[in-house]
Amino acid sequence: MLSYIRKYTGNWGLKIIYFIVALTFLGGFGGIFGALRSCGTGMSGGTIAIVNRKAISTDRFNRTYRITLNRYAEEYKHELTPERAASMHIPNIVLTNLITNEVGVQQADDLGFIVTGDELRDEIVHLPAFLNKAHQFDPRIYYGVLRENNITPGSFQQGIKDDILTLKLKKLFFDSVFLNGSEIEMLSSMGNKSKSPSMPKDAVQANLQFSFAMAKNGYDTWIQDVINRAKANGAIQINVPLLAKFTQTSE
């Protein structure tokens, strides 16, 4: 079930992690990141947002923003400038996603979800970027890729753990509407064998897509409500002047 959720929910945080080990950083955006260091605000210059007393660091935002720029640059054939990124509201999108992910992780923690060492290890050793020519996990490649991208093993593993936690949280909503594995297998078999118009071949897939949409909408609505209540209570604070350093380039 987790693999299905991961495939179809577009888990943003995990895609960012996968992307960071698949590509090296593009140049051309260094001036923005340097300017942020000296931005004076009421909040610490090293913090761009606080979510329930948990800080989202400027370094984390910078790194994620730059990775996101790389993703868009690939789409726009490396023609994405900081000005265009600002006009597309990419900085705001990045911060919104970071806040959403952090809220999800905190909710998973509150519900008692954990990530075991085996789960973490299994996730990492199957990442294509860390496999050698024999399609086996190679620690030398693993540490080399992280070193090239200036990421510590600890921070990388924490990112993986956070995304596994949010996947487990989403599973609560998917379990409430999805059939279990044996029922899906049985219905799939019936759908493939049946020639009756009342049981089209795609009926099972259509049912799963409908169920998925219900689960995803339920999760998105719930997590957004948590975020809105946290903002109303002052539990989410954004370093607006710091964020403006990214958005003002389009003015």
Protein backbone atom coordinates (compact mmCIF):
# COMPACT_ATOMS: atom_id res chain seq x y z
CA MET A 1 0.00 0.00 0.00
CA LEU A 2 2.78 2.46 0.82
CA SER A 3 4.30 1.93 -2.63
CA TYR A 4 0.94 2.70 -4.25
CA ILE A 5 0.50 5.85 -2.17
CA ARG A 6 4.04 6.96 -2.99
CA LYS A 7 3.48 6.39 -6.71
CA TYR A 8 0.24 8.31 -7.00
CA THR A 9 0.27 11.02 -4.32
CA GLY A 10 3.21 12.86 -5.80
CA ASN A 11 4.97 12.89 -2.45
CA TRP A 12 6.84 16.17 -2.92
CA GLY A 13 9.45 15.80 -0.23
CA LEU A 14 10.53 12.36 -1.37
CA LYS A 15 10.74 13.47 -5.00
CA ILE A 16 13.04 16.28 -3.92
CA ILE A 17 15.24 13.77 -2.10
CA TYR A 18 15.36 11.47 -5.11
CA PHE A 19 16.15 14.39 -7.38
CA ILE A 20 19.00 15.61 -5.24
CA VAL A 21 20.89 12.36 -5.65
CA ALA A 22 20.16 12.13 -9.36
CA LEU A 23 21.53 15.48 -10.55
CA THR A 24 24.35 17.84 -9.65
CA PHE A 25 23.47 21.44 -8.94
CA LEU A 26 23.24 23.99 -11.74
CA GLY A 27 25.12 27.26 -11.39
CA GLY A 28 23.88 30.82 -11.71
CA PHE A 29 21.89 31.35 -8.53
CA GLY A 30 24.64 31.80 -5.96
CA GLY A 31 24.10 35.54 -5.50
CA ILE A 32 20.64 35.06 -4.07
CA PHE A 33 21.74 32.54 -1.50
CA GLY A 34 24.62 34.65 -0.29
CA ALA A 35 22.39 37.68 0.18
CA LEU A 36 20.12 35.82 2.55
CA ARG A 37 22.84 35.39 5.14
CA SER A 38 22.82 39.04 6.16
CA CYS A 39 19.09 39.71 6.01
CA GLY A 40 18.06 41.34 9.25
CA THR A 41 14.63 40.30 10.62
CA GLY A 42 12.92 39.79 13.93
CA MET A 43 13.42 36.07 13.36
CA SER A 44 16.89 34.60 13.22
CA GLY A 45 18.59 34.99 9.85
CA GLY A 46 19.14 31.25 9.85
CA THR A 47 15.40 30.53 10.06
CA ILE A 48 12.84 31.15 7.32
CA ALA A 49 9.85 29.71 9.17
CA ILE A 50 8.82 28.20 12.48
CA VAL A 51 6.23 25.42 12.66
CA ASN A 52 5.06 24.63 16.19
CA ARG A 53 8.42 25.74 17.60
CA LYS A 54 10.31 23.66 15.00
CA ALA A 55 12.50 25.85 12.82
CA ILE A 56 12.81 25.45 9.07
CA SER A 57 16.34 26.62 8.47
CA THR A 58 17.46 28.99 5.75
CA ASP A 59 19.96 26.36 4.63
CA ARG A 60 17.20 23.80 4.21
CA PHE A 61 15.09 26.27 2.25
CA ASN A 62 18.05 27.32 0.10
CA ARG A 63 18.91 23.72 -0.70
CA THR A 64 15.33 22.74 -1.50
CA TYR A 65 14.75 25.90 -3.52
CA ARG A 66 17.84 25.28 -5.57
CA ILE A 67 16.86 21.67 -6.23
CA THR A 68 13.42 22.86 -7.30
CA LEU A 69 15.01 25.36 -9.66
CA ASN A 70 16.97 22.50 -11.17
CA ARG A 71 13.76 20.57 -11.76
CA TYR A 72 12.14 23.54 -13.48
CA ALA A 73 15.35 24.30 -15.37
CA GLU A 74 15.26 20.79 -16.81
CA GLU A 75 11.71 21.46 -17.98
CA TYR A 76 12.58 24.87 -19.44
CA LYS A 77 15.84 23.66 -20.99
CA HIS A 78 18.08 25.52 -18.50
CA GLU A 79 16.50 28.90 -19.31
CA LEU A 80 15.07 29.50 -15.85
CA THR A 81 16.38 32.71 -14.30
CA PRO A 82 15.84 33.85 -10.70
CA GLU A 83 13.46 36.52 -12.03
CA ARG A 84 11.37 33.96 -13.86
CA ALA A 85 11.39 31.68 -10.83
CA ALA A 86 10.05 34.55 -8.70
CA SER A 87 7.34 35.38 -11.24
CA MET A 88 6.24 31.72 -11.12
CA HIS A 89 6.00 31.98 -7.30
CA ILE A 90 8.43 29.09 -6.91
CA PRO A 91 9.83 30.45 -3.59
CA ASN A 92 6.33 30.49 -2.09
CA ILE A 93 5.58 27.02 -3.45
CA VAL A 94 8.78 25.67 -1.91
CA LEU A 95 8.08 27.18 1.51
CA THR A 96 4.45 26.02 1.45
CA ASN A 97 5.57 22.47 0.70
CA LEU A 98 8.21 22.55 3.43
CA ILE A 99 5.63 23.73 5.95
CA THR A 100 3.12 21.10 4.81
CA ASN A 101 5.73 18.35 5.08
CA GLU A 102 6.79 19.52 8.54
CA VAL A 103 3.18 19.58 9.77
CA GLY A 104 2.68 16.07 8.39
CA VAL A 105 5.79 14.78 10.16
CA GLN A 106 4.69 16.36 13.44
CA GLN A 107 1.22 14.85 13.14
CA ALA A 108 2.75 11.43 12.45
CA ASP A 109 4.98 11.81 15.51
CA ASP A 110 1.99 12.77 17.66
CA LEU A 111 0.16 9.63 16.52
CA GLY A 112 3.11 7.48 17.50
CA PHE A 113 4.36 6.51 14.05
CA ILE A 114 8.01 5.48 13.86
CA VAL A 115 10.46 4.52 11.13
CA THR A 116 12.54 1.46 11.94
CA GLY A 117 16.17 1.07 11.00
CA ASP A 118 15.21 -1.67 8.56
CA GLU A 119 12.64 0.55 6.83
CA LEU A 120 15.16 3.36 6.48
CA ARG A 121 17.87 1.03 5.22
CA ASP A 122 15.53 -0.61 2.70
CA GLU A 123 14.54 2.76 1.28
CA ILE A 124 18.11 3.96 0.83
CA VAL A 125 19.67 0.80 -0.58
CA HIS A 126 17.10 0.68 -3.39
CA LEU A 127 17.66 4.22 -4.62
CA PRO A 128 19.00 3.93 -8.21
CA ALA A 129 21.55 6.70 -7.65
CA PHE A 130 23.39 4.54 -5.13
CA LEU A 131 23.58 1.33 -7.17
CA ASN A 132 26.68 0.09 -8.94
CA LYS A 133 26.82 -1.56 -12.37
CA ALA A 134 25.71 -4.84 -10.82
CA HIS A 135 22.59 -3.04 -9.52
CA GLN A 136 23.73 -3.43 -5.93
CA PHE A 137 23.94 -0.75 -3.26
CA ASP A 138 27.47 0.66 -3.05
CA PRO A 139 28.39 2.64 0.10
CA ARG A 140 31.19 4.41 -1.79
CA ILE A 141 28.69 5.73 -4.32
CA TYR A 142 26.29 6.67 -1.53
CA TYR A 143 28.79 8.76 0.40
CA GLY A 144 30.29 10.16 -2.79
CA VAL A 145 26.97 11.46 -4.11
CA LEU A 146 26.08 13.04 -0.79
CA ARG A 147 29.53 14.62 -0.55
CA GLU A 148 29.24 16.06 -4.07
CA ASN A 149 25.95 17.68 -3.12
CA ASN A 150 27.20 18.90 0.27
CA ILE A 151 24.68 16.82 2.24
CA THR A 152 25.51 15.01 5.44
CA PRO A 153 24.35 11.39 5.79
CA GLY A 154 22.44 12.41 8.91
CA SER A 155 20.39 15.12 7.19
CA PHE A 156 19.76 12.90 4.17
CA GLN A 157 18.55 10.03 6.32
CA GLN A 158 16.35 12.38 8.33
CA GLY A 159 14.73 13.55 5.12
CA ILE A 160 14.04 9.96 4.11
CA LYS A 161 12.58 9.20 7.55
CA ASP A 162 10.33 12.26 7.44
CA ASP A 163 8.87 11.25 4.12
CA ILE A 164 8.27 7.68 5.23
CA LEU A 165 6.42 9.09 8.24
CA THR A 166 4.16 11.23 6.05
CA LEU A 167 3.48 8.25 3.81
CA LYS A 168 2.37 6.25 6.85
CA LEU A 169 0.14 9.13 7.89
CA LYS A 170 -1.47 9.23 4.46
CA LYS A 171 -2.03 5.49 4.70
CA LEU A 172 -4.62 6.12 7.42
CA PHE A 173 -6.80 7.87 4.88
CA PHE A 174 -6.14 5.35 2.12
CA ASP A 175 -6.95 2.41 4.39
CA SER A 176 -10.36 3.94 5.06
CA VAL A 177 -11.45 3.80 1.41
CA PHE A 178 -9.30 1.18 -0.33
CA LEU A 179 -10.02 -2.50 -0.63
CA ASN A 180 -7.49 -4.86 0.89
CA GLY A 181 -4.92 -6.60 -1.28
CA SER A 182 -6.79 -9.89 -1.73
CA GLU A 183 -10.01 -8.10 -2.71
CA ILE A 184 -8.18 -5.99 -5.27
CA GLU A 185 -6.52 -9.09 -6.71
CA MET A 186 -9.86 -10.93 -6.90
CA LEU A 187 -11.68 -8.04 -8.56
CA SER A 188 -8.80 -7.53 -10.98
CA SER A 189 -9.06 -11.17 -12.00
CA MET A 190 -12.83 -10.87 -12.46
CA GLY A 191 -12.47 -7.72 -14.47
CA ASN A 192 -9.85 -9.22 -16.77
CA LYS A 193 -11.87 -12.39 -17.42
CA SER A 194 -15.32 -10.89 -17.72
CA LYS A 195 -16.70 -10.00 -21.13
CA SER A 196 -19.90 -8.55 -19.73
CA PRO A 197 -20.52 -4.82 -20.29
CA SER A 198 -21.46 -4.61 -16.60
CA MET A 199 -17.91 -5.60 -15.64
CA PRO A 200 -15.59 -3.71 -18.00
CA LYS A 201 -11.88 -4.48 -17.92
CA ASP A 202 -11.10 -1.04 -16.52
CA ALA A 203 -13.76 -1.17 -13.77
CA VAL A 204 -11.29 -2.06 -11.02
CA GLN A 205 -8.87 0.65 -12.09
CA ALA A 206 -11.68 3.21 -12.21
CA ASN A 207 -12.79 2.18 -8.73
CA LEU A 208 -9.25 2.49 -7.41
CA GLN A 209 -8.82 5.91 -8.98
CA PHE A 210 -12.06 7.11 -7.41
CA SER A 211 -11.05 5.71 -4.03
CA PHE A 212 -7.62 7.30 -4.38
CA ALA A 213 -9.17 10.68 -5.14
CA MET A 214 -11.36 10.43 -2.05
CA ALA A 215 -8.42 9.49 0.17
CA LYS A 216 -6.13 12.16 -1.23
CA ASN A 217 -8.79 14.84 -0.90
CA GLY A 218 -9.47 13.75 2.67
CA TYR A 219 -5.80 13.94 3.61
CA ASP A 220 -5.20 17.27 1.83
CA THR A 221 -8.27 18.83 3.45
CA TRP A 222 -7.32 17.59 6.90
CA ILE A 223 -3.68 18.68 6.74
CA GLN A 224 -4.67 22.11 5.38
CA ASP A 225 -7.10 22.52 8.28
CA VAL A 226 -4.30 21.71 10.71
CA ILE A 227 -2.10 24.31 9.01
CA ASN A 228 -4.83 26.97 9.02
CA ARG A 229 -5.49 26.45 12.74
CA ALA A 230 -1.76 26.61 13.49
CA LYS A 231 -1.45 29.88 11.57
CA ALA A 232 -4.47 31.32 13.37
CA ASN A 233 -2.91 30.42 16.72
CA GLY A 234 0.46 31.88 15.75
CA ALA A 235 2.11 28.45 15.76
CA ILE A 236 3.35 28.97 12.19
CA GLN A 237 5.50 32.02 11.62
CA ILE A 238 7.15 33.03 8.35
CA ASN A 239 10.22 35.20 8.00
CA VAL A 240 8.57 37.47 5.42
CA PRO A 241 11.57 39.78 4.79
CA LEU A 242 13.77 36.77 4.19
CA LEU A 243 11.29 35.21 1.77
CA ALA A 244 10.98 38.55 0.00
CA LYS A 245 14.65 38.30 -0.99
CA PHE A 246 13.56 35.55 -3.36
CA THR A 247 10.39 37.16 -4.66
CA GLN A 248 11.57 40.72 -5.16
CA THR A 249 13.81 39.79 -8.10
CA SER A 250 10.78 39.87 -10.40
CA GLU A 251 9.84 43.43 -9.52
